[in-house]
Each structure stands twice: as structure tokens, then as C-alpha cells.
Amino acid sequence: MPGTTKTMGVLTVGGLVMVTAYTVALGSNGWLWFGWVVLGLITLGMVVSRSA
């Protein structure tokens, strides 16, 4: 499982970079930010469940 958690972390950070770049270039999109927050919460849940 550690590899899966690390992959989710990389995807979350990469998603943040992409959503930020999109916002800077084309303007804010609430659905993209919502999707990133959901991805971040899933990643956080995986980290917490792994440490428990």
C-alpha cells in the first residue's frame, strides 16, 4: 500500500499545479477546484488510514 499512497500524493500535487496553471491562463473553474479538493481529501484519508 505505501506505493499507492505515494502515487496519490504525487497525483494530488500534480493536480494542484495543473489546476493553478489553468486558473492563471484561462480563469477560475470551480469544478476543477472542487475535483482537486475531493482528490486531496481522498489522499488525506489514505494517509490517515495507513498510519492507523
C-alpha atoms as a PDB file:
ATOM      1  CA  MET A   1       0.000   0.000   0.000  1.00  0.00           C
ATOM      2  CA  PRO A   2       2.797   2.574   0.559  1.00  0.00           C
ATOM      3  CA  GLY A   3       3.319   2.863  -3.199  1.00  0.00           C
ATOM      4  CA  THR A   4      -0.376   3.602  -3.737  1.00  0.00           C
ATOM      5  CA  THR A   5      -0.370   6.350  -1.105  1.00  0.00           C
ATOM      6  CA  LYS A   6       2.743   7.912  -2.619  1.00  0.00           C
ATOM      7  CA  THR A   7       1.188   7.789  -6.094  1.00  0.00           C
ATOM      8  CA  MET A   8      -1.959   9.509  -4.795  1.00  0.00           C
ATOM      9  CA  GLY A   9       0.212  12.200  -3.192  1.00  0.00           C
ATOM     10  CA  VAL A  10       2.032  12.813  -6.462  1.00  0.00           C
ATOM     11  CA  LEU A  11      -1.271  12.968  -8.369  1.00  0.00           C
ATOM     12  CA  THR A  12      -2.686  15.415  -5.814  1.00  0.00           C
ATOM     13  CA  VAL A  13       0.303  17.755  -6.054  1.00  0.00           C
ATOM     14  CA  GLY A  14       0.354  17.439  -9.847  1.00  0.00           C
ATOM     15  CA  GLY A  15      -3.361  18.180  -9.932  1.00  0.00           C
ATOM     16  CA  LEU A  16      -2.830  21.310  -7.850  1.00  0.00           C
ATOM     17  CA  VAL A  17      -0.164  22.510 -10.272  1.00  0.00           C
ATOM     18  CA  MET A  18      -2.409  21.857 -13.285  1.00  0.00           C
ATOM     19  CA  VAL A  19      -5.493  23.497 -11.754  1.00  0.00           C
ATOM     20  CA  THR A  20      -3.427  26.531 -10.721  1.00  0.00           C
ATOM     21  CA  ALA A  21      -1.926  26.820 -14.216  1.00  0.00           C
ATOM     22  CA  TYR A  22      -5.396  26.557 -15.778  1.00  0.00           C
ATOM     23  CA  THR A  23      -6.699  29.256 -13.421  1.00  0.00           C
ATOM     24  CA  VAL A  24      -3.823  31.596 -14.275  1.00  0.00           C
ATOM     25  CA  ALA A  25      -4.126  31.023 -18.035  1.00  0.00           C
ATOM     26  CA  LEU A  26      -7.875  30.793 -18.591  1.00  0.00           C
ATOM     27  CA  GLY A  27      -9.588  31.912 -15.390  1.00  0.00           C
ATOM     28  CA  SER A  28     -11.037  30.089 -12.437  1.00  0.00           C
ATOM     29  CA  ASN A  29     -13.165  26.985 -12.841  1.00  0.00           C
ATOM     30  CA  GLY A  30     -14.997  25.945  -9.674  1.00  0.00           C
ATOM     31  CA  TRP A  31     -15.422  22.332 -10.796  1.00  0.00           C
ATOM     32  CA  LEU A  32     -11.673  21.890 -11.219  1.00  0.00           C
ATOM     33  CA  TRP A  33     -11.041  23.223  -7.721  1.00  0.00           C
ATOM     34  CA  PHE A  34     -13.831  21.050  -6.334  1.00  0.00           C
ATOM     35  CA  GLY A  35     -12.285  17.992  -8.002  1.00  0.00           C
ATOM     36  CA  TRP A  36      -8.886  18.851  -6.582  1.00  0.00           C
ATOM     37  CA  VAL A  37     -10.324  19.219  -3.071  1.00  0.00           C
ATOM     38  CA  VAL A  38     -12.014  15.814  -3.382  1.00  0.00           C
ATOM     39  CA  LEU A  39      -8.753  14.257  -4.596  1.00  0.00           C
ATOM     40  CA  GLY A  40      -6.904  15.891  -1.699  1.00  0.00           C
ATOM     41  CA  LEU A  41      -9.432  14.566   0.833  1.00  0.00           C
ATOM     42  CA  ILE A  42      -9.148  11.046  -0.592  1.00  0.00           C
ATOM     43  CA  THR A  43      -5.353  11.258  -0.374  1.00  0.00           C
ATOM     44  CA  LEU A  44      -5.547  12.572   3.187  1.00  0.00           C
ATOM     45  CA  GLY A  45      -7.886   9.723   4.094  1.00  0.00           C
ATOM     46  CA  MET A  46      -5.425   7.200   2.658  1.00  0.00           C
ATOM     47  CA  VAL A  47      -2.554   8.711   4.659  1.00  0.00           C
ATOM     48  CA  VAL A  48      -4.568   8.705   7.891  1.00  0.00           C
ATOM     49  CA  SER A  49      -5.826   5.137   7.400  1.00  0.00           C
ATOM     50  CA  ARG A  50      -2.294   3.954   6.633  1.00  0.00           C
ATOM     51  CA  SER A  51      -0.890   5.427   9.836  1.00  0.00           C
ATOM     52  CA  ALA A  52      -3.701   3.995  11.994  1.00  0.00           C
END
